[in-house]
Amino acid sequence: RLSCAASGFTLDYYAIGWFRQAPGKEREGVSC
């Protein structure tokens, strides 16, 4: 279970996306 917190802004103002980047690959969107 991954968690995302905010530093310097408020999360609930925005949609939040999770991305991932594997070695040698481009970053890809996982979920929003």
All heavy atoms as atom14 arrays in JSON, in Angstrom:
{
  "sequence": "RLSCAASGFTLDYYAIGWFRQAPGKEREGVSC",
  "atom14_mask": [
    [1, 1, 1, 1, 1, 1, 1, 1, 1, 1, 1, 0, 0, 0],
    [1, 1, 1, 1, 1, 1, 1, 1, 0, 0, 0, 0, 0, 0],
    [1, 1, 1, 1, 1, 1, 0, 0, 0, 0, 0, 0, 0, 0],
    [1, 1, 1, 1, 1, 1, 0, 0, 0, 0, 0, 0, 0, 0],
    [1, 1, 1, 1, 1, 0, 0, 0, 0, 0, 0, 0, 0, 0],
    [1, 1, 1, 1, 1, 0, 0, 0, 0, 0, 0, 0, 0, 0],
    [1, 1, 1, 1, 1, 1, 0, 0, 0, 0, 0, 0, 0, 0],
    [1, 1, 1, 1, 0, 0, 0, 0, 0, 0, 0, 0, 0, 0],
    [1, 1, 1, 1, 1, 1, 1, 1, 1, 1, 1, 0, 0, 0],
    [1, 1, 1, 1, 1, 1, 1, 0, 0, 0, 0, 0, 0, 0],
    [1, 1, 1, 1, 1, 1, 1, 1, 0, 0, 0, 0, 0, 0],
    [1, 1, 1, 1, 1, 1, 1, 1, 0, 0, 0, 0, 0, 0],
    [1, 1, 1, 1, 1, 1, 1, 1, 1, 1, 1, 1, 0, 0],
    [1, 1, 1, 1, 1, 1, 1, 1, 1, 1, 1, 1, 0, 0],
    [1, 1, 1, 1, 1, 0, 0, 0, 0, 0, 0, 0, 0, 0],
    [1, 1, 1, 1, 1, 1, 1, 1, 0, 0, 0, 0, 0, 0],
    [1, 1, 1, 1, 0, 0, 0, 0, 0, 0, 0, 0, 0, 0],
    [1, 1, 1, 1, 1, 1, 1, 1, 1, 1, 1, 1, 1, 1],
    [1, 1, 1, 1, 1, 1, 1, 1, 1, 1, 1, 0, 0, 0],
    [1, 1, 1, 1, 1, 1, 1, 1, 1, 1, 1, 0, 0, 0],
    [1, 1, 1, 1, 1, 1, 1, 1, 1, 0, 0, 0, 0, 0],
    [1, 1, 1, 1, 1, 0, 0, 0, 0, 0, 0, 0, 0, 0],
    [1, 1, 1, 1, 1, 1, 1, 0, 0, 0, 0, 0, 0, 0],
    [1, 1, 1, 1, 0, 0, 0, 0, 0, 0, 0, 0, 0, 0],
    [1, 1, 1, 1, 1, 1, 1, 1, 1, 0, 0, 0, 0, 0],
    [1, 1, 1, 1, 1, 1, 1, 1, 1, 0, 0, 0, 0, 0],
    [1, 1, 1, 1, 1, 1, 1, 1, 1, 1, 1, 0, 0, 0],
    [1, 1, 1, 1, 1, 1, 1, 1, 1, 0, 0, 0, 0, 0],
    [1, 1, 1, 1, 0, 0, 0, 0, 0, 0, 0, 0, 0, 0],
    [1, 1, 1, 1, 1, 1, 1, 0, 0, 0, 0, 0, 0, 0],
    [1, 1, 1, 1, 1, 1, 0, 0, 0, 0, 0, 0, 0, 0],
    [1, 1, 1, 1, 1, 1, 0, 0, 0, 0, 0, 0, 0, 0]
  ],
  "atom14_positions": [
    [[0.86, -1.19, 0.0], [0.0, 0.0, 0.0], [0.89, 1.23, 0.0], [1.64, 1.47, 0.95], [-0.93, 0.01, 1.21], [-1.97, 1.13, 1.18], [-2.9, 1.01, 2.37], [-3.96, 2.03, 2.35], [-5.11, 1.9, 1.74], [-5.38, 0.79, 1.08], [-6.02, 2.86, 1.77], [0.0, 0.0, 0.0], [0.0, 0.0, 0.0], [0.0, 0.0, 0.0]],
    [[0.81, 1.98, -1.07], [1.58, 3.21, -1.18], [0.76, 4.39, -0.7], [-0.46, 4.43, -0.88], [2.0, 3.45, -2.64], [2.75, 2.31, -3.34], [3.17, 2.76, -4.73], [3.94, 1.85, -2.54], [0.0, 0.0, 0.0], [0.0, 0.0, 0.0], [0.0, 0.0, 0.0], [0.0, 0.0, 0.0], [0.0, 0.0, 0.0], [0.0, 0.0, 0.0]],
    [[1.44, 5.37, -0.13], [0.77, 6.58, 0.33], [1.41, 7.8, -0.31], [2.62, 7.83, -0.57], [0.86, 6.69, 1.85], [0.08, 5.71, 2.47], [0.0, 0.0, 0.0], [0.0, 0.0, 0.0], [0.0, 0.0, 0.0], [0.0, 0.0, 0.0], [0.0, 0.0, 0.0], [0.0, 0.0, 0.0], [0.0, 0.0, 0.0], [0.0, 0.0, 0.0]],
    [[0.58, 8.8, -0.54], [1.02, 10.07, -1.12], [0.59, 11.19, -0.19], [-0.61, 11.31, 0.11], [0.4, 10.23, -2.5], [0.75, 11.8, -3.31], [0.0, 0.0, 0.0], [0.0, 0.0, 0.0], [0.0, 0.0, 0.0], [0.0, 0.0, 0.0], [0.0, 0.0, 0.0], [0.0, 0.0, 0.0], [0.0, 0.0, 0.0], [0.0, 0.0, 0.0]],
    [[1.54, 11.97, 0.27], [1.24, 13.12, 1.1], [1.74, 14.37, 0.39], [2.48, 14.3, -0.59], [1.93, 12.97, 2.46], [0.0, 0.0, 0.0], [0.0, 0.0, 0.0], [0.0, 0.0, 0.0], [0.0, 0.0, 0.0], [0.0, 0.0, 0.0], [0.0, 0.0, 0.0], [0.0, 0.0, 0.0], [0.0, 0.0, 0.0], [0.0, 0.0, 0.0]],
    [[1.33, 15.51, 0.9], [1.68, 16.77, 0.24], [2.61, 17.6, 1.12], [2.42, 17.68, 2.33], [0.43, 17.57, -0.06], [0.0, 0.0, 0.0], [0.0, 0.0, 0.0], [0.0, 0.0, 0.0], [0.0, 0.0, 0.0], [0.0, 0.0, 0.0], [0.0, 0.0, 0.0], [0.0, 0.0, 0.0], [0.0, 0.0, 0.0], [0.0, 0.0, 0.0]],
    [[3.57, 18.2, 0.48], [4.46, 19.15, 1.15], [4.37, 20.48, 0.41], [4.72, 20.59, -0.75], [5.9, 18.64, 1.13], [6.78, 19.6, 1.68], [0.0, 0.0, 0.0], [0.0, 0.0, 0.0], [0.0, 0.0, 0.0], [0.0, 0.0, 0.0], [0.0, 0.0, 0.0], [0.0, 0.0, 0.0], [0.0, 0.0, 0.0], [0.0, 0.0, 0.0]],
    [[3.83, 21.49, 1.08], [3.75, 22.81, 0.46], [2.51, 23.04, -0.39], [2.43, 24.08, -1.07], [0.0, 0.0, 0.0], [0.0, 0.0, 0.0], [0.0, 0.0, 0.0], [0.0, 0.0, 0.0], [0.0, 0.0, 0.0], [0.0, 0.0, 0.0], [0.0, 0.0, 0.0], [0.0, 0.0, 0.0], [0.0, 0.0, 0.0], [0.0, 0.0, 0.0]],
    [[1.58, 22.11, -0.38], [0.32, 22.32, -1.1], [-0.73, 21.4, -0.48], [-0.41, 20.57, 0.37], [0.47, 22.05, -2.59], [0.67, 20.61, -2.97], [-0.38, 19.83, -3.44], [1.92, 20.0, -2.83], [-0.2, 18.51, -3.77], [2.11, 18.67, -3.17], [1.05, 17.92, -3.64], [0.0, 0.0, 0.0], [0.0, 0.0, 0.0], [0.0, 0.0, 0.0]],
    [[-1.97, 21.56, -0.92], [-3.07, 20.77, -0.37], [-3.56, 19.79, -1.42], [-4.01, 20.18, -2.49], [-4.22, 21.7, 0.07], [-3.72, 22.63, 1.03], [-5.33, 20.89, 0.7], [0.0, 0.0, 0.0], [0.0, 0.0, 0.0], [0.0, 0.0, 0.0], [0.0, 0.0, 0.0], [0.0, 0.0, 0.0], [0.0, 0.0, 0.0], [0.0, 0.0, 0.0]],
    [[-3.49, 18.52, -1.08], [-3.85, 17.48, -2.05], [-5.29, 17.6, -2.53], [-5.57, 17.34, -3.7], [-3.66, 16.1, -1.41], [-2.28, 15.44, -1.49], [-2.32, 14.12, -0.74], [-1.88, 15.24, -2.92], [0.0, 0.0, 0.0], [0.0, 0.0, 0.0], [0.0, 0.0, 0.0], [0.0, 0.0, 0.0], [0.0, 0.0, 0.0], [0.0, 0.0, 0.0]],
    [[-6.21, 17.99, -1.63], [-7.62, 17.92, -2.02], [-8.04, 19.0, -3.01], [-9.19, 19.04, -3.42], [-8.53, 17.88, -0.79], [-8.43, 19.12, 0.06], [-7.69, 20.05, -0.3], [-9.11, 19.18, 1.11], [0.0, 0.0, 0.0], [0.0, 0.0, 0.0], [0.0, 0.0, 0.0], [0.0, 0.0, 0.0], [0.0, 0.0, 0.0], [0.0, 0.0, 0.0]],
    [[-7.11, 19.85, -3.42], [-7.43, 20.81, -4.47], [-7.32, 20.19, -5.87], [-7.75, 20.8, -6.85], [-6.45, 21.99, -4.42], [-6.66, 22.94, -3.27], [-5.76, 23.98, -3.03], [-7.74, 22.82, -2.4], [-5.92, 24.86, -1.98], [-7.9, 23.69, -1.34], [-6.99, 24.72, -1.14], [-7.15, 25.58, -0.09], [0.0, 0.0, 0.0], [0.0, 0.0, 0.0]],
    [[-6.73, 18.97, -5.94], [-6.34, 18.44, -7.25], [-6.73, 16.98, -7.43], [-6.86, 16.23, -6.47], [-4.82, 18.54, -7.41], [-4.28, 19.92, -7.2], [-3.64, 20.25, -6.01], [-4.4, 20.9, -8.18], [-3.14, 21.52, -5.79], [-3.89, 22.17, -7.97], [-3.27, 22.47, -6.78], [-2.77, 23.73, -6.59], [0.0, 0.0, 0.0], [0.0, 0.0, 0.0]],
    [[-6.83, 16.59, -8.7], [-6.77, 15.17, -9.02], [-5.34, 14.72, -8.78], [-4.38, 15.48, -8.96], [-7.15, 14.93, -10.48], [0.0, 0.0, 0.0], [0.0, 0.0, 0.0], [0.0, 0.0, 0.0], [0.0, 0.0, 0.0], [0.0, 0.0, 0.0], [0.0, 0.0, 0.0], [0.0, 0.0, 0.0], [0.0, 0.0, 0.0], [0.0, 0.0, 0.0]],
    [[-5.19, 13.46, -8.36], [-3.87, 12.92, -8.08], [-3.62, 11.7, -8.95], [-4.46, 10.79, -9.03], [-3.72, 12.52, -6.6], [-3.96, 13.73, -5.7], [-2.34, 11.92, -6.35], [-2.98, 14.86, -5.87], [0.0, 0.0, 0.0], [0.0, 0.0, 0.0], [0.0, 0.0, 0.0], [0.0, 0.0, 0.0], [0.0, 0.0, 0.0], [0.0, 0.0, 0.0]],
    [[-2.49, 11.7, -9.6], [-2.11, 10.57, -10.44], [-0.94, 9.82, -9.84], [-0.06, 10.41, -9.22], [0.0, 0.0, 0.0], [0.0, 0.0, 0.0], [0.0, 0.0, 0.0], [0.0, 0.0, 0.0], [0.0, 0.0, 0.0], [0.0, 0.0, 0.0], [0.0, 0.0, 0.0], [0.0, 0.0, 0.0], [0.0, 0.0, 0.0], [0.0, 0.0, 0.0]],
    [[-0.96, 8.49, -10.0], [0.19, 7.67, -9.67], [0.85, 7.24, -10.99], [0.17, 6.81, -11.93], [-0.22, 6.41, -8.9], [-0.45, 6.63, -7.44], [-1.64, 6.82, -6.82], [0.55, 6.65, -6.42], [-1.45, 6.98, -5.47], [-0.1, 6.88, -5.19], [1.93, 6.5, -6.4], [0.57, 6.96, -3.97], [2.61, 6.59, -5.19], [1.92, 6.82, -3.99]],
    [[2.16, 7.35, -11.01], [2.96, 6.98, -12.16], [4.04, 6.01, -11.72], [4.34, 5.91, -10.54], [3.62, 8.22, -12.78], [2.66, 9.23, -13.35], [1.91, 10.05, -12.53], [2.51, 9.36, -14.72], [1.03, 10.99, -13.04], [1.64, 10.29, -15.26], [0.9, 11.11, -14.41], [0.0, 0.0, 0.0], [0.0, 0.0, 0.0], [0.0, 0.0, 0.0]],
    [[4.64, 5.32, -12.67], [5.77, 4.47, -12.34], [6.79, 4.5, -13.47], [6.44, 4.73, -14.63], [5.33, 3.04, -12.06], [4.76, 2.29, -13.25], [4.23, 0.92, -12.8], [3.7, 0.15, -13.92], [3.06, -1.01, -13.79], [2.87, -1.54, -12.56], [2.61, -1.65, -14.84], [0.0, 0.0, 0.0], [0.0, 0.0, 0.0], [0.0, 0.0, 0.0]],
    [[8.03, 4.25, -13.09], [9.09, 4.19, -14.08], [9.99, 3.01, -13.77], [10.63, 2.96, -12.71], [9.9, 5.48, -14.12], [10.91, 5.53, -15.24], [11.47, 6.91, -15.49], [11.41, 7.79, -14.62], [11.99, 7.13, -16.69], [0.0, 0.0, 0.0], [0.0, 0.0, 0.0], [0.0, 0.0, 0.0], [0.0, 0.0, 0.0], [0.0, 0.0, 0.0]],
    [[10.02, 2.06, -14.68], [10.87, 0.89, -14.56], [12.22, 1.19, -15.22], [12.3, 2.06, -16.09], [10.2, -0.31, -15.21], [0.0, 0.0, 0.0], [0.0, 0.0, 0.0], [0.0, 0.0, 0.0], [0.0, 0.0, 0.0], [0.0, 0.0, 0.0], [0.0, 0.0, 0.0], [0.0, 0.0, 0.0], [0.0, 0.0, 0.0], [0.0, 0.0, 0.0]],
    [[13.25, 0.48, -14.83], [14.57, 0.71, -15.43], [14.54, 0.59, -16.95], [14.0, -0.37, -17.5], [15.43, -0.4, -14.82], [14.77, -0.71, -13.53], [13.3, -0.54, -13.77], [0.0, 0.0, 0.0], [0.0, 0.0, 0.0], [0.0, 0.0, 0.0], [0.0, 0.0, 0.0], [0.0, 0.0, 0.0], [0.0, 0.0, 0.0], [0.0, 0.0, 0.0]],
    [[15.07, 1.61, -17.62], [15.14, 1.59, -19.07], [13.84, 1.9, -19.79], [13.76, 1.8, -21.01], [0.0, 0.0, 0.0], [0.0, 0.0, 0.0], [0.0, 0.0, 0.0], [0.0, 0.0, 0.0], [0.0, 0.0, 0.0], [0.0, 0.0, 0.0], [0.0, 0.0, 0.0], [0.0, 0.0, 0.0], [0.0, 0.0, 0.0], [0.0, 0.0, 0.0]],
    [[12.82, 2.25, -19.02], [11.51, 2.54, -19.64], [11.06, 3.95, -19.3], [11.53, 4.56, -18.34], [10.46, 1.54, -19.15], [10.73, 0.1, -19.6], [9.57, -0.8, -19.24], [9.79, -2.21, -19.77], [8.63, -3.11, -19.44], [0.0, 0.0, 0.0], [0.0, 0.0, 0.0], [0.0, 0.0, 0.0], [0.0, 0.0, 0.0], [0.0, 0.0, 0.0]],
    [[10.12, 4.45, -20.08], [9.57, 5.77, -19.81], [8.59, 5.7, -18.65], [8.0, 4.65, -18.37], [8.87, 6.3, -21.06], [9.83, 6.62, -22.21], [9.13, 7.36, -23.33], [7.9, 7.54, -23.25], [9.82, 7.76, -24.28], [0.0, 0.0, 0.0], [0.0, 0.0, 0.0], [0.0, 0.0, 0.0], [0.0, 0.0, 0.0], [0.0, 0.0, 0.0]],
    [[8.4, 6.84, -18.01], [7.41, 6.9, -16.94], [6.02, 6.74, -17.54], [5.72, 7.3, -18.59], [7.53, 8.24, -16.22], [6.67, 8.39, -15.0], [7.27, 9.33, -13.98], [7.85, 10.52, -14.55], [8.71, 11.3, -13.9], [9.1, 11.01, -12.68], [9.18, 12.38, -14.49], [0.0, 0.0, 0.0], [0.0, 0.0, 0.0], [0.0, 0.0, 0.0]],
    [[5.18, 5.96, -16.87], [3.82, 5.71, -17.37], [2.8, 5.98, -16.28], [3.05, 5.78, -15.1], [3.69, 4.27, -17.86], [3.88, 3.21, -16.78], [3.55, 1.81, -17.24], [2.92, 1.65, -18.31], [3.9, 0.86, -16.51], [0.0, 0.0, 0.0], [0.0, 0.0, 0.0], [0.0, 0.0, 0.0], [0.0, 0.0, 0.0], [0.0, 0.0, 0.0]],
    [[1.62, 6.42, -16.7], [0.53, 6.64, -15.77], [-0.08, 5.31, -15.35], [-0.35, 4.46, -16.2], [0.0, 0.0, 0.0], [0.0, 0.0, 0.0], [0.0, 0.0, 0.0], [0.0, 0.0, 0.0], [0.0, 0.0, 0.0], [0.0, 0.0, 0.0], [0.0, 0.0, 0.0], [0.0, 0.0, 0.0], [0.0, 0.0, 0.0], [0.0, 0.0, 0.0]],
    [[-0.29, 5.14, -14.06], [-0.84, 3.9, -13.51], [-2.31, 4.08, -13.11], [-3.15, 3.26, -13.44], [-0.01, 3.44, -12.3], [-0.66, 2.25, -11.61], [1.41, 3.13, -12.72], [0.0, 0.0, 0.0], [0.0, 0.0, 0.0], [0.0, 0.0, 0.0], [0.0, 0.0, 0.0], [0.0, 0.0, 0.0], [0.0, 0.0, 0.0], [0.0, 0.0, 0.0]],
    [[-2.59, 5.17, -12.41], [-3.94, 5.38, -11.91], [-4.14, 6.85, -11.58], [-3.18, 7.58, -11.31], [-4.19, 4.53, -10.66], [-5.51, 4.67, -10.2], [0.0, 0.0, 0.0], [0.0, 0.0, 0.0], [0.0, 0.0, 0.0], [0.0, 0.0, 0.0], [0.0, 0.0, 0.0], [0.0, 0.0, 0.0], [0.0, 0.0, 0.0], [0.0, 0.0, 0.0]],
    [[-5.4, 7.27, -11.59], [-5.73, 8.66, -11.26], [-7.03, 8.68, -10.47], [-7.93, 7.86, -10.72], [-5.89, 9.47, -12.54], [-6.25, 11.22, -12.3], [0.0, 0.0, 0.0], [0.0, 0.0, 0.0], [0.0, 0.0, 0.0], [0.0, 0.0, 0.0], [0.0, 0.0, 0.0], [0.0, 0.0, 0.0], [0.0, 0.0, 0.0], [0.0, 0.0, 0.0]]
  ]
}
